[in-house]
Amino acid sequence: MSKQTGLFFIVFLCLNTVAMAQSSVSKIDLSIYPEPEKGYKQMVIEVPHSDNDAAKKIEFTVGKWMQLDECNKHGLQGIIEQKDLEGWGYSYYIFKSDGNVMSTQMACPGNTKVNQFITSQPEMTRYNGKLPIVIYIPEEYDVQFKIYKAEADTYRASEVKHK
């Protein structure tokens, strides 16, 4: 076998392994979670396992796209409740909202409307590359998330001297 053929074979095996790893839809069977209630859908956040899961956090927000003025700050009213999955030791989240949007009340010149993703208060949870984060949300909403990672550097706080 020539060097070129051998190299091609190794690259093919590596790419095939990566493709197979990415094709796995879920780390655990999601059928253990309850079915979404009428008017709701089930969303899942899955992140890769790392050697340093404890140094990471996930922040997720529930929101929806809306045409709103561009000069005011807007926020979606609603709450994210954490529930226990009975008998499994896992948890999941349910977002409940009446759909109302709070806003500052500045007068906007031109009253231009833009498409914005309006979110509720974010929820911070631990990063776990072995378990999904399951969230139930109203059908017209969506979930976005960020991953935060702690730096290796540590810093010392300053002492305040009192007389």
N, C-alpha and C. Protein backbone atom coordinates (compact mmCIF):
# COMPACT_ATOMS: atom_id res chain seq x y z
N MET A 1 0.86 -1.18 0.00
CA MET A 1 0.00 0.00 0.00
C MET A 1 0.90 1.24 0.00
N SER A 2 0.60 2.18 -0.87
CA SER A 2 1.42 3.38 -0.96
C SER A 2 1.17 4.29 0.24
N LYS A 3 2.09 5.21 0.47
CA LYS A 3 1.95 6.16 1.58
C LYS A 3 0.70 7.01 1.40
N GLN A 4 0.43 7.40 0.16
CA GLN A 4 -0.73 8.24 -0.12
C GLN A 4 -2.03 7.50 0.20
N THR A 5 -2.12 6.23 -0.17
CA THR A 5 -3.32 5.44 0.12
C THR A 5 -3.47 5.24 1.62
N GLY A 6 -2.36 4.97 2.30
CA GLY A 6 -2.40 4.79 3.76
C GLY A 6 -2.85 6.06 4.46
N LEU A 7 -2.34 7.20 4.02
CA LEU A 7 -2.74 8.48 4.60
C LEU A 7 -4.22 8.75 4.35
N PHE A 8 -4.68 8.46 3.13
CA PHE A 8 -6.10 8.64 2.81
C PHE A 8 -6.96 7.76 3.72
N PHE A 9 -6.54 6.53 3.94
CA PHE A 9 -7.29 5.59 4.78
C PHE A 9 -7.38 6.10 6.22
N ILE A 10 -6.29 6.62 6.76
CA ILE A 10 -6.27 7.14 8.13
C ILE A 10 -7.19 8.36 8.25
N VAL A 11 -7.11 9.27 7.28
CA VAL A 11 -7.98 10.45 7.29
C VAL A 11 -9.44 10.03 7.20
N PHE A 12 -9.73 9.05 6.34
CA PHE A 12 -11.10 8.55 6.20
C PHE A 12 -11.61 7.98 7.53
N LEU A 13 -10.80 7.19 8.21
CA LEU A 13 -11.21 6.62 9.50
C LEU A 13 -11.47 7.71 10.54
N CYS A 14 -10.60 8.72 10.58
CA CYS A 14 -10.78 9.82 11.54
C CYS A 14 -12.08 10.58 11.26
N LEU A 15 -12.31 10.92 10.00
CA LEU A 15 -13.52 11.66 9.65
C LEU A 15 -14.77 10.82 9.90
N ASN A 16 -14.70 9.54 9.64
CA ASN A 16 -15.84 8.65 9.88
C ASN A 16 -16.15 8.57 11.37
N THR A 17 -15.12 8.51 12.20
CA THR A 17 -15.31 8.46 13.65
C THR A 17 -15.96 9.74 14.15
N VAL A 18 -15.50 10.89 13.66
CA VAL A 18 -16.09 12.17 14.05
C VAL A 18 -17.54 12.24 13.61
N ALA A 19 -17.83 11.83 12.38
CA ALA A 19 -19.20 11.87 11.87
C ALA A 19 -20.12 10.97 12.69
N MET A 20 -19.64 9.80 13.07
CA MET A 20 -20.46 8.89 13.87
C MET A 20 -20.70 9.46 15.25
N ALA A 21 -19.69 10.11 15.83
CA ALA A 21 -19.85 10.70 17.16
C ALA A 21 -20.87 11.83 17.12
N GLN A 22 -20.88 12.61 16.05
CA GLN A 22 -21.81 13.73 15.95
C GLN A 22 -23.22 13.27 15.62
N SER A 23 -23.36 12.08 15.06
CA SER A 23 -24.69 11.63 14.67
C SER A 23 -25.51 11.12 15.86
N SER A 24 -24.87 10.88 17.00
CA SER A 24 -25.64 10.42 18.15
C SER A 24 -26.50 11.58 18.63
N VAL A 25 -27.79 11.39 18.62
CA VAL A 25 -28.73 12.46 18.92
C VAL A 25 -28.77 12.79 20.39
N SER A 26 -28.70 11.78 21.24
CA SER A 26 -28.88 12.03 22.66
C SER A 26 -28.00 11.12 23.49
N LYS A 27 -27.54 11.65 24.62
CA LYS A 27 -26.69 10.89 25.52
C LYS A 27 -27.50 9.92 26.37
N ILE A 28 -28.73 10.29 26.68
CA ILE A 28 -29.62 9.39 27.40
C ILE A 28 -30.95 9.35 26.67
N ASP A 29 -31.73 8.37 26.99
CA ASP A 29 -33.02 8.20 26.34
C ASP A 29 -33.97 9.29 26.81
N LEU A 30 -34.34 10.19 25.91
CA LEU A 30 -35.22 11.30 26.28
C LEU A 30 -36.66 10.86 26.53
N SER A 31 -36.98 9.61 26.22
CA SER A 31 -38.34 9.14 26.45
C SER A 31 -38.66 9.00 27.94
N ILE A 32 -37.65 9.07 28.80
CA ILE A 32 -37.91 9.02 30.25
C ILE A 32 -38.50 10.33 30.76
N TYR A 33 -38.38 11.39 29.96
CA TYR A 33 -38.94 12.69 30.34
C TYR A 33 -40.42 12.73 29.94
N PRO A 34 -41.21 13.54 30.65
CA PRO A 34 -42.64 13.62 30.30
C PRO A 34 -42.85 14.20 28.90
N GLU A 35 -43.96 13.81 28.30
CA GLU A 35 -44.37 14.40 27.02
C GLU A 35 -44.72 15.87 27.26
N PRO A 36 -44.48 16.74 26.28
CA PRO A 36 -44.87 18.15 26.46
C PRO A 36 -46.39 18.28 26.59
N GLU A 37 -46.80 19.22 27.42
CA GLU A 37 -48.23 19.51 27.54
C GLU A 37 -48.71 20.14 26.24
N LYS A 38 -50.02 20.18 26.05
CA LYS A 38 -50.58 20.79 24.85
C LYS A 38 -50.15 22.26 24.79
N GLY A 39 -49.66 22.69 23.63
CA GLY A 39 -49.20 24.06 23.44
C GLY A 39 -47.73 24.25 23.78
N TYR A 40 -47.07 23.19 24.24
CA TYR A 40 -45.65 23.25 24.60
C TYR A 40 -44.84 22.33 23.70
N LYS A 41 -43.53 22.59 23.65
CA LYS A 41 -42.60 21.70 22.96
C LYS A 41 -41.41 21.43 23.87
N GLN A 42 -40.71 20.34 23.60
CA GLN A 42 -39.56 19.93 24.41
C GLN A 42 -38.29 20.34 23.68
N MET A 43 -37.43 21.05 24.38
CA MET A 43 -36.14 21.47 23.83
C MET A 43 -35.05 20.77 24.63
N VAL A 44 -33.90 20.54 24.01
CA VAL A 44 -32.81 19.88 24.72
C VAL A 44 -31.50 20.59 24.38
N ILE A 45 -30.68 20.79 25.40
CA ILE A 45 -29.33 21.33 25.24
C ILE A 45 -28.38 20.19 25.57
N GLU A 46 -27.54 19.83 24.61
CA GLU A 46 -26.53 18.81 24.84
C GLU A 46 -25.17 19.40 24.50
N VAL A 47 -24.24 19.23 25.40
CA VAL A 47 -22.90 19.76 25.21
C VAL A 47 -21.90 18.62 25.33
N PRO A 48 -20.74 18.75 24.69
CA PRO A 48 -19.76 17.66 24.77
C PRO A 48 -19.14 17.55 26.16
N HIS A 49 -18.82 16.32 26.54
CA HIS A 49 -18.12 16.10 27.81
C HIS A 49 -16.71 16.65 27.68
N SER A 50 -16.22 17.22 28.77
CA SER A 50 -14.84 17.69 28.79
C SER A 50 -14.20 17.21 30.08
N ASP A 51 -12.89 17.33 30.14
CA ASP A 51 -12.18 16.94 31.36
C ASP A 51 -12.37 17.94 32.48
N ASN A 52 -12.98 19.08 32.16
CA ASN A 52 -13.12 20.13 33.15
C ASN A 52 -14.55 20.68 33.20
N ASP A 53 -15.54 19.79 33.24
CA ASP A 53 -16.94 20.21 33.29
C ASP A 53 -17.22 21.11 34.49
N ALA A 54 -16.55 20.86 35.60
CA ALA A 54 -16.80 21.62 36.83
C ALA A 54 -16.42 23.09 36.70
N ALA A 55 -15.55 23.43 35.75
CA ALA A 55 -15.12 24.81 35.57
C ALA A 55 -16.01 25.57 34.58
N LYS A 56 -17.12 24.95 34.18
CA LYS A 56 -18.00 25.58 33.19
C LYS A 56 -19.41 25.70 33.74
N LYS A 57 -20.14 26.65 33.19
CA LYS A 57 -21.56 26.85 33.51
C LYS A 57 -22.30 27.09 32.20
N ILE A 58 -23.59 26.79 32.21
CA ILE A 58 -24.44 27.07 31.06
C ILE A 58 -25.51 28.06 31.50
N GLU A 59 -25.68 29.10 30.70
CA GLU A 59 -26.75 30.06 30.91
C GLU A 59 -27.70 29.92 29.73
N PHE A 60 -28.97 29.65 30.02
CA PHE A 60 -29.94 29.59 28.93
C PHE A 60 -31.06 30.58 29.16
N THR A 61 -31.61 31.05 28.06
CA THR A 61 -32.74 31.97 28.11
C THR A 61 -33.82 31.46 27.18
N VAL A 62 -35.05 31.75 27.56
CA VAL A 62 -36.20 31.43 26.72
C VAL A 62 -36.69 32.76 26.17
N GLY A 63 -37.03 32.76 24.91
CA GLY A 63 -37.50 34.00 24.30
C GLY A 63 -38.24 33.75 23.01
N LYS A 64 -38.60 34.85 22.37
CA LYS A 64 -39.24 34.74 21.06
C LYS A 64 -38.89 35.97 20.23
N TRP A 65 -38.96 35.80 18.92
CA TRP A 65 -38.67 36.88 17.99
C TRP A 65 -39.90 37.76 17.87
N MET A 66 -39.67 39.08 17.97
CA MET A 66 -40.78 40.04 17.89
C MET A 66 -40.32 41.29 17.15
N GLN A 67 -41.26 41.96 16.50
CA GLN A 67 -41.02 43.26 15.86
C GLN A 67 -41.28 44.34 16.91
N LEU A 68 -40.21 44.99 17.36
CA LEU A 68 -40.32 46.01 18.41
C LEU A 68 -39.45 47.20 18.05
N ASP A 69 -39.71 48.33 18.72
CA ASP A 69 -38.89 49.52 18.46
C ASP A 69 -37.45 49.24 18.88
N GLU A 70 -36.54 49.98 18.26
CA GLU A 70 -35.12 49.70 18.50
C GLU A 70 -34.49 50.53 19.61
N CYS A 71 -35.21 51.48 20.19
CA CYS A 71 -34.56 52.34 21.18
C CYS A 71 -34.89 51.94 22.63
N ASN A 72 -35.94 51.17 22.86
CA ASN A 72 -36.28 50.75 24.22
C ASN A 72 -35.69 49.38 24.54
N LYS A 73 -35.53 49.11 25.81
CA LYS A 73 -35.09 47.80 26.28
C LYS A 73 -36.34 46.98 26.58
N HIS A 74 -36.35 45.73 26.13
CA HIS A 74 -37.52 44.87 26.29
C HIS A 74 -37.14 43.58 27.01
N GLY A 75 -38.09 43.02 27.72
CA GLY A 75 -37.88 41.74 28.40
C GLY A 75 -39.18 40.96 28.45
N LEU A 76 -39.07 39.66 28.29
CA LEU A 76 -40.23 38.78 28.31
C LEU A 76 -40.56 38.40 29.75
N GLN A 77 -41.81 38.56 30.13
CA GLN A 77 -42.23 38.16 31.47
C GLN A 77 -42.48 36.66 31.48
N GLY A 78 -42.00 36.02 32.53
CA GLY A 78 -42.19 34.58 32.67
C GLY A 78 -41.22 34.03 33.69
N ILE A 79 -41.44 32.78 34.07
CA ILE A 79 -40.56 32.14 35.04
C ILE A 79 -40.11 30.78 34.52
N ILE A 80 -38.92 30.40 34.92
CA ILE A 80 -38.38 29.08 34.60
C ILE A 80 -38.41 28.28 35.90
N GLU A 81 -39.16 27.19 35.90
CA GLU A 81 -39.26 26.33 37.09
C GLU A 81 -38.44 25.07 36.87
N GLN A 82 -37.66 24.69 37.89
CA GLN A 82 -36.91 23.43 37.82
C GLN A 82 -37.73 22.34 38.49
N LYS A 83 -37.88 21.22 37.81
CA LYS A 83 -38.66 20.08 38.32
C LYS A 83 -37.77 18.85 38.39
N ASP A 84 -38.12 17.94 39.30
CA ASP A 84 -37.40 16.67 39.42
C ASP A 84 -38.06 15.60 38.57
N LEU A 85 -37.24 14.81 37.90
CA LEU A 85 -37.75 13.67 37.13
C LEU A 85 -37.83 12.50 38.10
N GLU A 86 -39.04 12.23 38.56
CA GLU A 86 -39.27 11.22 39.60
C GLU A 86 -38.61 9.89 39.25
N GLY A 87 -37.86 9.35 40.20
CA GLY A 87 -37.26 8.04 40.06
C GLY A 87 -35.95 7.99 39.29
N TRP A 88 -35.50 9.10 38.77
CA TRP A 88 -34.28 9.11 37.95
C TRP A 88 -33.17 9.97 38.54
N GLY A 89 -33.50 10.93 39.36
CA GLY A 89 -32.47 11.80 39.91
C GLY A 89 -32.04 12.91 38.96
N TYR A 90 -32.74 13.08 37.86
CA TYR A 90 -32.45 14.14 36.91
C TYR A 90 -33.47 15.26 37.12
N SER A 91 -33.18 16.40 36.50
CA SER A 91 -34.15 17.49 36.57
C SER A 91 -34.43 18.00 35.16
N TYR A 92 -35.48 18.78 35.05
CA TYR A 92 -35.83 19.43 33.80
C TYR A 92 -36.47 20.77 34.14
N TYR A 93 -36.69 21.60 33.14
CA TYR A 93 -37.20 22.94 33.35
C TYR A 93 -38.49 23.16 32.55
N ILE A 94 -39.37 23.98 33.12
CA ILE A 94 -40.59 24.39 32.43
C ILE A 94 -40.65 25.92 32.45
N PHE A 95 -40.83 26.51 31.27
CA PHE A 95 -40.98 27.96 31.19
C PHE A 95 -42.46 28.29 31.08
N LYS A 96 -42.92 29.17 31.97
CA LYS A 96 -44.31 29.60 31.96
C LYS A 96 -44.36 31.11 31.78
N SER A 97 -45.21 31.55 30.84
CA SER A 97 -45.31 32.97 30.54
C SER A 97 -46.71 33.28 30.04
N ASP A 98 -47.16 34.49 30.35
CA ASP A 98 -48.43 34.95 29.78
C ASP A 98 -48.19 35.68 28.46
N GLY A 99 -46.91 35.76 28.05
CA GLY A 99 -46.56 36.39 26.78
C GLY A 99 -46.36 37.89 26.85
N ASN A 100 -46.59 38.49 28.03
CA ASN A 100 -46.41 39.94 28.15
C ASN A 100 -44.94 40.32 28.07
N VAL A 101 -44.70 41.49 27.50
CA VAL A 101 -43.34 42.02 27.36
C VAL A 101 -43.26 43.32 28.14
N MET A 102 -42.23 43.43 28.99
CA MET A 102 -42.01 44.69 29.70
C MET A 102 -41.04 45.52 28.87
N SER A 103 -41.12 46.84 29.03
CA SER A 103 -40.32 47.71 28.20
C SER A 103 -40.08 49.04 28.89
N THR A 104 -38.93 49.64 28.58
CA THR A 104 -38.75 51.03 28.97
C THR A 104 -39.70 51.85 28.10
N GLN A 105 -39.95 53.08 28.46
CA GLN A 105 -40.96 53.88 27.76
C GLN A 105 -40.38 55.14 27.12
N MET A 106 -39.20 55.02 26.51
CA MET A 106 -38.61 56.17 25.84
C MET A 106 -39.34 56.45 24.53
N ALA A 107 -39.43 57.71 24.18
CA ALA A 107 -40.01 58.10 22.89
C ALA A 107 -38.96 57.84 21.82
N CYS A 108 -39.28 57.01 20.86
CA CYS A 108 -38.32 56.63 19.83
C CYS A 108 -38.50 57.49 18.59
N PRO A 109 -37.44 58.18 18.16
CA PRO A 109 -37.56 58.98 16.94
C PRO A 109 -37.73 58.05 15.73
N GLY A 110 -38.71 58.35 14.92
CA GLY A 110 -38.94 57.55 13.71
C GLY A 110 -39.75 56.29 13.94
N ASN A 111 -39.82 55.84 15.18
CA ASN A 111 -40.60 54.65 15.54
C ASN A 111 -40.28 53.45 14.65
N THR A 112 -38.98 53.24 14.36
CA THR A 112 -38.54 52.13 13.52
C THR A 112 -38.66 50.81 14.28
N LYS A 113 -39.23 49.80 13.63
CA LYS A 113 -39.38 48.47 14.23
C LYS A 113 -38.29 47.55 13.69
N VAL A 114 -37.74 46.72 14.59
CA VAL A 114 -36.73 45.74 14.19
C VAL A 114 -37.10 44.39 14.79
N ASN A 115 -36.64 43.32 14.14
CA ASN A 115 -36.88 41.97 14.63
C ASN A 115 -35.86 41.66 15.72
N GLN A 116 -36.33 41.42 16.94
CA GLN A 116 -35.44 41.18 18.09
C GLN A 116 -35.83 39.89 18.80
N PHE A 117 -34.82 39.20 19.35
CA PHE A 117 -35.09 38.03 20.20
C PHE A 117 -35.25 38.55 21.62
N ILE A 118 -36.47 38.56 22.12
CA ILE A 118 -36.78 39.08 23.45
C ILE A 118 -36.77 37.92 24.42
N THR A 119 -36.01 38.06 25.51
CA THR A 119 -35.81 36.93 26.42
C THR A 119 -36.35 37.21 27.81
N SER A 120 -36.55 36.12 28.52
CA SER A 120 -36.88 36.17 29.94
C SER A 120 -35.58 36.29 30.72
N GLN A 121 -35.68 36.26 32.04
CA GLN A 121 -34.48 36.26 32.86
C GLN A 121 -33.71 34.97 32.59
N PRO A 122 -32.39 35.04 32.47
CA PRO A 122 -31.61 33.83 32.18
C PRO A 122 -31.56 32.88 33.38
N GLU A 123 -31.33 31.62 33.09
CA GLU A 123 -31.18 30.58 34.11
C GLU A 123 -29.76 30.04 34.00
N MET A 124 -29.04 30.01 35.12
CA MET A 124 -27.67 29.50 35.13
C MET A 124 -27.70 28.10 35.74
N THR A 125 -27.03 27.16 35.09
CA THR A 125 -26.98 25.79 35.58
C THR A 125 -25.58 25.23 35.35
N ARG A 126 -25.29 24.13 36.01
CA ARG A 126 -23.95 23.56 35.87
C ARG A 126 -23.80 22.88 34.51
N TYR A 127 -22.60 22.85 34.05
CA TYR A 127 -22.26 22.20 32.78
C TYR A 127 -22.09 20.72 33.06
N ASN A 128 -22.75 19.88 32.29
CA ASN A 128 -22.61 18.44 32.45
C ASN A 128 -22.63 17.82 31.06
N GLY A 129 -21.47 17.39 30.62
CA GLY A 129 -21.35 16.80 29.29
C GLY A 129 -21.95 15.42 29.18
N LYS A 130 -22.44 14.87 30.29
CA LYS A 130 -23.01 13.52 30.26
C LYS A 130 -24.54 13.52 30.23
N LEU A 131 -25.16 14.62 30.63
CA LEU A 131 -26.62 14.69 30.71
C LEU A 131 -27.16 15.87 29.91
N PRO A 132 -28.30 15.71 29.28
CA PRO A 132 -28.90 16.85 28.58
C PRO A 132 -29.62 17.77 29.55
N ILE A 133 -29.85 18.99 29.11
CA ILE A 133 -30.72 19.92 29.83
C ILE A 133 -32.01 19.95 29.04
N VAL A 134 -33.10 19.52 29.67
CA VAL A 134 -34.39 19.42 29.00
C VAL A 134 -35.27 20.58 29.47
N ILE A 135 -35.85 21.29 28.50
CA ILE A 135 -36.65 22.48 28.80
C ILE A 135 -37.96 22.39 28.01
N TYR A 136 -39.06 22.62 28.70
CA TYR A 136 -40.37 22.67 28.06
C TYR A 136 -40.78 24.14 27.92
N ILE A 137 -41.12 24.53 26.71
CA ILE A 137 -41.46 25.93 26.43
C ILE A 137 -42.70 26.00 25.55
N PRO A 138 -43.42 27.13 25.58
CA PRO A 138 -44.55 27.29 24.65
C PRO A 138 -44.07 27.16 23.20
N GLU A 139 -44.94 26.66 22.35
CA GLU A 139 -44.56 26.34 20.97
C GLU A 139 -43.97 27.50 20.18
N GLU A 140 -44.39 28.72 20.44
CA GLU A 140 -43.89 29.86 19.65
C GLU A 140 -42.59 30.46 20.20
N TYR A 141 -42.00 29.83 21.21
CA TYR A 141 -40.78 30.33 21.84
C TYR A 141 -39.58 29.50 21.41
N ASP A 142 -38.39 29.97 21.79
CA ASP A 142 -37.15 29.28 21.46
C ASP A 142 -36.20 29.39 22.66
N VAL A 143 -35.14 28.58 22.64
CA VAL A 143 -34.14 28.59 23.71
C VAL A 143 -32.78 28.90 23.10
N GLN A 144 -32.06 29.81 23.73
CA GLN A 144 -30.68 30.10 23.35
C GLN A 144 -29.81 29.91 24.59
N PHE A 145 -28.54 29.53 24.39
CA PHE A 145 -27.68 29.32 25.55
C PHE A 145 -26.25 29.77 25.28
N LYS A 146 -25.55 30.04 26.39
CA LYS A 146 -24.14 30.41 26.36
C LYS A 146 -23.40 29.46 27.29
N ILE A 147 -22.13 29.24 27.00
CA ILE A 147 -21.28 28.43 27.87
C ILE A 147 -20.23 29.35 28.47
N TYR A 148 -20.14 29.36 29.79
CA TYR A 148 -19.15 30.15 30.49
C TYR A 148 -18.06 29.22 31.01
N LYS A 149 -16.82 29.69 30.91
CA LYS A 149 -15.69 28.88 31.33
C LYS A 149 -14.81 29.71 32.26
N ALA A 150 -14.48 29.13 33.41
CA ALA A 150 -13.61 29.82 34.36
C ALA A 150 -12.18 29.84 33.85
N GLU A 151 -11.51 30.94 34.07
CA GLU A 151 -10.10 31.04 33.71
C GLU A 151 -9.26 30.29 34.73
N ALA A 152 -8.08 29.90 34.33
CA ALA A 152 -7.18 29.22 35.25
C ALA A 152 -6.59 30.20 36.27
N ASP A 153 -6.51 31.48 35.90
CA ASP A 153 -5.95 32.49 36.80
C ASP A 153 -6.90 32.74 37.97
N THR A 154 -6.32 32.95 39.13
CA THR A 154 -7.11 33.37 40.29
C THR A 154 -6.59 34.73 40.73
N TYR A 155 -7.45 35.46 41.41
CA TYR A 155 -7.11 36.82 41.81
C TYR A 155 -7.38 36.97 43.30
N ARG A 156 -6.69 37.91 43.91
CA ARG A 156 -6.85 38.14 45.34
C ARG A 156 -7.66 39.41 45.55
N ALA A 157 -8.64 39.33 46.43
CA ALA A 157 -9.44 40.50 46.77
C ALA A 157 -8.62 41.44 47.65
N SER A 158 -8.94 42.72 47.62
CA SER A 158 -8.25 43.71 48.45
C SER A 158 -8.92 43.80 49.81
N GLU A 159 -8.10 43.97 50.83
CA GLU A 159 -8.62 44.12 52.18
C GLU A 159 -8.97 45.58 52.42
N VAL A 160 -10.09 45.82 53.07
CA VAL A 160 -10.50 47.17 53.43
C VAL A 160 -10.09 47.39 54.88
N LYS A 161 -9.25 48.39 55.11
CA LYS A 161 -8.77 48.70 56.46
C LYS A 161 -9.76 49.63 57.14
N HIS A 162 -10.17 49.27 58.35
CA HIS A 162 -11.08 50.12 59.14
C HIS A 162 -10.32 50.67 60.33
N LYS A 163 -10.65 51.90 60.72
CA LYS A 163 -9.96 52.54 61.85
C LYS A 163 -10.52 52.08 63.15
